[in-house]
Amino acid sequence: MEESTHFDEMLSERAARLDEASRIVATASAECRELTEAEDSHVLQLMKRAQILDEELARLKRHHGEHGRI
């Protein structure tokens, strides 16, 4: 059960990071402007963290797929 909770927390964090990045880009787009340098950097960091979480989630799925459900 604890591993399932950790997995769910990672999924939630990933979704939150992607949502935040999406909101930043959508706001700039709605304002018909390019991202500022700070926004661009922040979106990049959010996307990197989401990618790391994707990789960790895939690893957990593979590991636990061999040993049963997460």
PDB file of N, CA and C in Angstrom:
ATOM      1  N   MET A   1       0.819  -1.188   0.000  1.00  0.00           N
ATOM      2  CA  MET A   1       0.000   0.000   0.000  1.00  0.00           C
ATOM      3  C   MET A   1       0.868   1.259   0.000  1.00  0.00           C
ATOM      4  N   GLU A   2       1.941   1.263   0.762  1.00  0.00           N
ATOM      5  CA  GLU A   2       2.824   2.423   0.843  1.00  0.00           C
ATOM      6  C   GLU A   2       3.413   2.748  -0.527  1.00  0.00           C
ATOM      7  N   GLU A   3       3.801   1.724  -1.292  1.00  0.00           N
ATOM      8  CA  GLU A   3       4.368   1.947  -2.618  1.00  0.00           C
ATOM      9  C   GLU A   3       3.329   2.539  -3.554  1.00  0.00           C
ATOM     10  N   SER A   4       2.081   2.092  -3.415  1.00  0.00           N
ATOM     11  CA  SER A   4       0.996   2.626  -4.227  1.00  0.00           C
ATOM     12  C   SER A   4       0.788   4.106  -3.940  1.00  0.00           C
ATOM     13  N   THR A   5       0.864   4.482  -2.675  1.00  0.00           N
ATOM     14  CA  THR A   5       0.720   5.884  -2.287  1.00  0.00           C
ATOM     15  C   THR A   5       1.855   6.714  -2.874  1.00  0.00           C
ATOM     16  N   HIS A   6       3.071   6.200  -2.805  1.00  0.00           N
ATOM     17  CA  HIS A   6       4.230   6.900  -3.372  1.00  0.00           C
ATOM     18  C   HIS A   6       4.051   7.075  -4.879  1.00  0.00           C
ATOM     19  N   PHE A   7       3.602   6.034  -5.549  1.00  0.00           N
ATOM     20  CA  PHE A   7       3.356   6.075  -6.986  1.00  0.00           C
ATOM     21  C   PHE A   7       2.316   7.149  -7.305  1.00  0.00           C
ATOM     22  N   ASP A   8       1.220   7.162  -6.549  1.00  0.00           N
ATOM     23  CA  ASP A   8       0.158   8.155  -6.752  1.00  0.00           C
ATOM     24  C   ASP A   8       0.662   9.573  -6.502  1.00  0.00           C
ATOM     25  N   GLU A   9       1.503   9.742  -5.492  1.00  0.00           N
ATOM     26  CA  GLU A   9       2.076  11.065  -5.211  1.00  0.00           C
ATOM     27  C   GLU A   9       2.957  11.531  -6.364  1.00  0.00           C
ATOM     28  N   MET A  10       3.713  10.607  -6.929  1.00  0.00           N
ATOM     29  CA  MET A  10       4.568  10.952  -8.064  1.00  0.00           C
ATOM     30  C   MET A  10       3.720  11.339  -9.276  1.00  0.00           C
ATOM     31  N   LEU A  11       2.630  10.601  -9.504  1.00  0.00           N
ATOM     32  CA  LEU A  11       1.726  10.940 -10.601  1.00  0.00           C
ATOM     33  C   LEU A  11       1.120  12.323 -10.395  1.00  0.00           C
ATOM     34  N   SER A  12       0.729  12.616  -9.166  1.00  0.00           N
ATOM     35  CA  SER A  12       0.139  13.923  -8.853  1.00  0.00           C
ATOM     36  C   SER A  12       1.145  15.046  -9.054  1.00  0.00           C
ATOM     37  N   GLU A  13       2.378  14.820  -8.614  1.00  0.00           N
ATOM     38  CA  GLU A  13       3.412  15.845  -8.791  1.00  0.00           C
ATOM     39  C   GLU A  13       3.670  16.085 -10.272  1.00  0.00           C
ATOM     40  N   ARG A  14       3.739  15.003 -11.043  1.00  0.00           N
ATOM     41  CA  ARG A  14       3.965  15.118 -12.485  1.00  0.00           C
ATOM     42  C   ARG A  14       2.845  15.937 -13.127  1.00  0.00           C
ATOM     43  N   ALA A  15       1.610  15.617 -12.776  1.00  0.00           N
ATOM     44  CA  ALA A  15       0.465  16.348 -13.334  1.00  0.00           C
ATOM     45  C   ALA A  15       0.508  17.823 -12.946  1.00  0.00           C
ATOM     46  N   ALA A  16       0.868  18.104 -11.706  1.00  0.00           N
ATOM     47  CA  ALA A  16       0.937  19.490 -11.236  1.00  0.00           C
ATOM     48  C   ALA A  16       2.009  20.267 -11.992  1.00  0.00           C
ATOM     49  N   ARG A  17       3.160  19.633 -12.220  1.00  0.00           N
ATOM     50  CA  ARG A  17       4.242  20.306 -12.952  1.00  0.00           C
ATOM     51  C   ARG A  17       3.811  20.609 -14.386  1.00  0.00           C
ATOM     52  N   LEU A  18       3.173  19.620 -15.031  1.00  0.00           N
ATOM     53  CA  LEU A  18       2.722  19.821 -16.405  1.00  0.00           C
ATOM     54  C   LEU A  18       1.615  20.872 -16.477  1.00  0.00           C
ATOM     55  N   ASP A  19       0.711  20.866 -15.510  1.00  0.00           N
ATOM     56  CA  ASP A  19      -0.360  21.872 -15.470  1.00  0.00           C
ATOM     57  C   ASP A  19       0.212  23.276 -15.323  1.00  0.00           C
ATOM     58  N   GLU A  20       1.182  23.429 -14.433  1.00  0.00           N
ATOM     59  CA  GLU A  20       1.787  24.741 -14.229  1.00  0.00           C
ATOM     60  C   GLU A  20       2.475  25.225 -15.506  1.00  0.00           C
ATOM     61  N   ALA A  21       3.214  24.342 -16.148  1.00  0.00           N
ATOM     62  CA  ALA A  21       3.889  24.709 -17.400  1.00  0.00           C
ATOM     63  C   ALA A  21       2.861  25.109 -18.455  1.00  0.00           C
ATOM     64  N   SER A  22       1.791  24.353 -18.539  1.00  0.00           N
ATOM     65  CA  SER A  22       0.738  24.638 -19.506  1.00  0.00           C
ATOM     66  C   SER A  22       0.082  25.989 -19.244  1.00  0.00           C
ATOM     67  N   ARG A  23      -0.168  26.295 -17.979  1.00  0.00           N
ATOM     68  CA  ARG A  23      -0.780  27.586 -17.627  1.00  0.00           C
ATOM     69  C   ARG A  23       0.129  28.752 -18.015  1.00  0.00           C
ATOM     70  N   ILE A  24       1.419  28.603 -17.776  1.00  0.00           N
ATOM     71  CA  ILE A  24       2.369  29.672 -18.116  1.00  0.00           C
ATOM     72  C   ILE A  24       2.363  29.924 -19.623  1.00  0.00           C
ATOM     73  N   VAL A  25       2.426  28.855 -20.398  1.00  0.00           N
ATOM     74  CA  VAL A  25       2.444  28.982 -21.855  1.00  0.00           C
ATOM     75  C   VAL A  25       1.107  29.531 -22.361  1.00  0.00           C
ATOM     76  N   ALA A  26      -0.003  29.039 -21.810  1.00  0.00           N
ATOM     77  CA  ALA A  26      -1.327  29.508 -22.232  1.00  0.00           C
ATOM     78  C   ALA A  26      -1.521  30.992 -21.929  1.00  0.00           C
ATOM     79  N   THR A  27      -1.029  31.434 -20.785  1.00  0.00           N
ATOM     80  CA  THR A  27      -1.145  32.849 -20.425  1.00  0.00           C
ATOM     81  C   THR A  27      -0.385  33.722 -21.416  1.00  0.00           C
ATOM     82  N   ALA A  28       0.836  33.341 -21.723  1.00  0.00           N
ATOM     83  CA  ALA A  28       1.628  34.113 -22.686  1.00  0.00           C
ATOM     84  C   ALA A  28       0.948  34.110 -24.054  1.00  0.00           C
ATOM     85  N   SER A  29       0.429  32.968 -24.451  1.00  0.00           N
ATOM     86  CA  SER A  29      -0.246  32.862 -25.740  1.00  0.00           C
ATOM     87  C   SER A  29      -1.499  33.737 -25.778  1.00  0.00           C
ATOM     88  N   ALA A  30      -2.286  33.713 -24.710  1.00  0.00           N
ATOM     89  CA  ALA A  30      -3.503  34.526 -24.639  1.00  0.00           C
ATOM     90  C   ALA A  30      -3.178  36.014 -24.701  1.00  0.00           C
ATOM     91  N   GLU A  31      -2.006  36.364 -24.205  1.00  0.00           N
ATOM     92  CA  GLU A  31      -1.563  37.764 -24.225  1.00  0.00           C
ATOM     93  C   GLU A  31      -0.800  38.100 -25.510  1.00  0.00           C
ATOM     94  N   CYS A  32      -0.776  37.144 -26.456  1.00  0.00           N
ATOM     95  CA  CYS A  32      -0.102  37.319 -27.753  1.00  0.00           C
ATOM     96  C   CYS A  32       1.351  37.759 -27.589  1.00  0.00           C
ATOM     97  N   ARG A  33       2.053  37.062 -26.720  1.00  0.00           N
ATOM     98  CA  ARG A  33       3.458  37.407 -26.495  1.00  0.00           C
ATOM     99  C   ARG A  33       4.283  36.141 -26.328  1.00  0.00           C
ATOM    100  N   GLU A  34       5.574  36.301 -26.491  1.00  0.00           N
ATOM    101  CA  GLU A  34       6.521  35.216 -26.239  1.00  0.00           C
ATOM    102  C   GLU A  34       6.709  35.072 -24.731  1.00  0.00           C
ATOM    103  N   LEU A  35       7.190  33.915 -24.321  1.00  0.00           N
ATOM    104  CA  LEU A  35       7.542  33.731 -22.916  1.00  0.00           C
ATOM    105  C   LEU A  35       8.709  34.648 -22.565  1.00  0.00           C
ATOM    106  N   THR A  36       8.688  35.167 -21.358  1.00  0.00           N
ATOM    107  CA  THR A  36       9.854  35.918 -20.895  1.00  0.00           C
ATOM    108  C   THR A  36      10.982  34.921 -20.653  1.00  0.00           C
ATOM    109  N   GLU A  37      12.170  35.429 -20.490  1.00  0.00           N
ATOM    110  CA  GLU A  37      13.314  34.550 -20.212  1.00  0.00           C
ATOM    111  C   GLU A  37      13.082  33.764 -18.920  1.00  0.00           C
ATOM    112  N   ALA A  38      12.548  34.428 -17.905  1.00  0.00           N
ATOM    113  CA  ALA A  38      12.280  33.763 -16.621  1.00  0.00           C
ATOM    114  C   ALA A  38      11.199  32.693 -16.774  1.00  0.00           C
ATOM    115  N   GLU A  39      10.135  33.011 -17.526  1.00  0.00           N
ATOM    116  CA  GLU A  39       9.067  32.027 -17.752  1.00  0.00           C
ATOM    117  C   GLU A  39       9.597  30.829 -18.524  1.00  0.00           C
ATOM    118  N   ASP A  40      10.375  31.098 -19.550  1.00  0.00           N
ATOM    119  CA  ASP A  40      10.941  30.030 -20.370  1.00  0.00           C
ATOM    120  C   ASP A  40      11.807  29.102 -19.524  1.00  0.00           C
ATOM    121  N   SER A  41      12.634  29.687 -18.690  1.00  0.00           N
ATOM    122  CA  SER A  41      13.499  28.903 -17.813  1.00  0.00           C
ATOM    123  C   SER A  41      12.675  28.072 -16.834  1.00  0.00           C
ATOM    124  N   HIS A  42      11.635  28.680 -16.277  1.00  0.00           N
ATOM    125  CA  HIS A  42      10.791  27.975 -15.308  1.00  0.00           C
ATOM    126  C   HIS A  42      10.049  26.814 -15.977  1.00  0.00           C
ATOM    127  N   VAL A  43       9.509  27.055 -17.168  1.00  0.00           N
ATOM    128  CA  VAL A  43       8.813  25.994 -17.909  1.00  0.00           C
ATOM    129  C   VAL A  43       9.783  24.854 -18.211  1.00  0.00           C
ATOM    130  N   LEU A  44      10.996  25.187 -18.597  1.00  0.00           N
ATOM    131  CA  LEU A  44      12.000  24.160 -18.873  1.00  0.00           C
ATOM    132  C   LEU A  44      12.270  23.314 -17.631  1.00  0.00           C
ATOM    133  N   GLN A  45      12.411  23.954 -16.481  1.00  0.00           N
ATOM    134  CA  GLN A  45      12.641  23.220 -15.231  1.00  0.00           C
ATOM    135  C   GLN A  45      11.448  22.329 -14.884  1.00  0.00           C
ATOM    136  N   LEU A  46      10.238  22.840 -15.082  1.00  0.00           N
ATOM    137  CA  LEU A  46       9.033  22.044 -14.827  1.00  0.00           C
ATOM    138  C   LEU A  46       8.995  20.819 -15.736  1.00  0.00           C
ATOM    139  N   MET A  47       9.327  21.009 -17.001  1.00  0.00           N
ATOM    140  CA  MET A  47       9.305  19.901 -17.954  1.00  0.00           C
ATOM    141  C   MET A  47      10.398  18.875 -17.647  1.00  0.00           C
ATOM    142  N   LYS A  48      11.555  19.348 -17.224  1.00  0.00           N
ATOM    143  CA  LYS A  48      12.634  18.425 -16.841  1.00  0.00           C
ATOM    144  C   LYS A  48      12.200  17.569 -15.655  1.00  0.00           C
ATOM    145  N   ARG A  49      11.573  18.204 -14.659  1.00  0.00           N
ATOM    146  CA  ARG A  49      11.115  17.453 -13.485  1.00  0.00           C
ATOM    147  C   ARG A  49      10.037  16.452 -13.884  1.00  0.00           C
ATOM    148  N   ALA A  50       9.137  16.849 -14.771  1.00  0.00           N
ATOM    149  CA  ALA A  50       8.096  15.931 -15.241  1.00  0.00           C
ATOM    150  C   ALA A  50       8.730  14.739 -15.959  1.00  0.00           C
ATOM    151  N   GLN A  51       9.770  14.977 -16.750  1.00  0.00           N
ATOM    152  CA  GLN A  51      10.463  13.892 -17.450  1.00  0.00           C
ATOM    153  C   GLN A  51      11.146  12.949 -16.464  1.00  0.00           C
ATOM    154  N   ILE A  52      11.775  13.499 -15.444  1.00  0.00           N
ATOM    155  CA  ILE A  52      12.410  12.664 -14.414  1.00  0.00           C
ATOM    156  C   ILE A  52      11.362  11.798 -13.731  1.00  0.00           C
ATOM    157  N   LEU A  53      10.220  12.392 -13.416  1.00  0.00           N
ATOM    158  CA  LEU A  53       9.138  11.628 -12.786  1.00  0.00           C
ATOM    159  C   LEU A  53       8.635  10.541 -13.727  1.00  0.00           C
ATOM    160  N   ASP A  54       8.504  10.844 -15.019  1.00  0.00           N
ATOM    161  CA  ASP A  54       8.105   9.832 -16.007  1.00  0.00           C
ATOM    162  C   ASP A  54       9.053   8.641 -15.975  1.00  0.00           C
ATOM    163  N   GLU A  55      10.342   8.936 -15.945  1.00  0.00           N
ATOM    164  CA  GLU A  55      11.344   7.868 -15.934  1.00  0.00           C
ATOM    165  C   GLU A  55      11.273   7.053 -14.649  1.00  0.00           C
ATOM    166  N   GLU A  56      11.086   7.720 -13.516  1.00  0.00           N
ATOM    167  CA  GLU A  56      10.973   7.013 -12.238  1.00  0.00           C
ATOM    168  C   GLU A  56       9.712   6.156 -12.200  1.00  0.00           C
ATOM    169  N   LEU A  57       8.613   6.691 -12.713  1.00  0.00           N
ATOM    170  CA  LEU A  57       7.358   5.938 -12.741  1.00  0.00           C
ATOM    171  C   LEU A  57       7.479   4.712 -13.638  1.00  0.00           C
ATOM    172  N   ALA A  58       8.115   4.869 -14.782  1.00  0.00           N
ATOM    173  CA  ALA A  58       8.313   3.734 -15.690  1.00  0.00           C
ATOM    174  C   ALA A  58       9.176   2.662 -15.029  1.00  0.00           C
ATOM    175  N   ARG A  59      10.212   3.101 -14.317  1.00  0.00           N
ATOM    176  CA  ARG A  59      11.082   2.146 -13.627  1.00  0.00           C
ATOM    177  C   ARG A  59      10.299   1.394 -12.557  1.00  0.00           C
ATOM    178  N   LEU A  60       9.493   2.115 -11.788  1.00  0.00           N
ATOM    179  CA  LEU A  60       8.683   1.467 -10.753  1.00  0.00           C
ATOM    180  C   LEU A  60       7.695   0.481 -11.362  1.00  0.00           C
ATOM    181  N   LYS A  61       7.075   0.877 -12.467  1.00  0.00           N
ATOM    182  CA  LYS A  61       6.117  -0.017 -13.127  1.00  0.00           C
ATOM    183  C   LYS A  61       6.805  -1.294 -13.589  1.00  0.00           C
ATOM    184  N   ARG A  62       7.992  -1.145 -14.193  1.00  0.00           N
ATOM    185  CA  ARG A  62       8.724  -2.332 -14.657  1.00  0.00           C
ATOM    186  C   ARG A  62       9.096  -3.222 -13.483  1.00  0.00           C
ATOM    187  N   HIS A  63       9.643  -2.603 -12.435  1.00  0.00           N
ATOM    188  CA  HIS A  63      10.081  -3.363 -11.267  1.00  0.00           C
ATOM    189  C   HIS A  63       8.909  -4.078 -10.610  1.00  0.00           C
ATOM    190  N   HIS A  64       7.822  -3.360 -10.409  1.00  0.00           N
ATOM    191  CA  HIS A  64       6.686  -3.953  -9.714  1.00  0.00           C
ATOM    192  C   HIS A  64       5.845  -4.819 -10.630  1.00  0.00           C
ATOM    193  N   GLY A  65       5.962  -4.599 -11.924  1.00  0.00           N
ATOM    194  CA  GLY A  65       5.273  -5.463 -12.870  1.00  0.00           C
ATOM    195  C   GLY A  65       5.803  -6.883 -12.788  1.00  0.00           C
ATOM    196  N   GLU A  66       7.073  -7.006 -12.443  1.00  0.00           N
ATOM    197  CA  GLU A  66       7.698  -8.321 -12.293  1.00  0.00           C
ATOM    198  C   GLU A  66       7.303  -8.976 -10.975  1.00  0.00           C
ATOM    199  N   HIS A  67       6.915  -8.152  -9.991  1.00  0.00           N
ATOM    200  CA  HIS A  67       6.651  -8.662  -8.646  1.00  0.00           C
ATOM    201  C   HIS A  67       5.213  -8.452  -8.194  1.00  0.00           C
ATOM    202  N   GLY A  68       4.333  -8.113  -9.115  1.00  0.00           N
ATOM    203  CA  GLY A  68       2.943  -7.864  -8.738  1.00  0.00           C
ATOM    204  C   GLY A  68       2.591  -6.411  -8.905  1.00  0.00           C
ATOM    205  N   ARG A  69       1.428  -6.069  -8.431  1.00  0.00           N
ATOM    206  CA  ARG A  69       0.918  -4.698  -8.594  1.00  0.00           C
ATOM    207  C   ARG A  69       1.629  -3.712  -7.690  1.00  0.00           C
ATOM    208  N   ILE A  70       1.561  -2.453  -8.100  1.00  0.00           N
ATOM    209  CA  ILE A  70       2.120  -1.359  -7.294  1.00  0.00           C
ATOM    210  C   ILE A  70       1.132  -1.028  -6.209  1.00  0.00           C
TER     211      ILE A  70
END
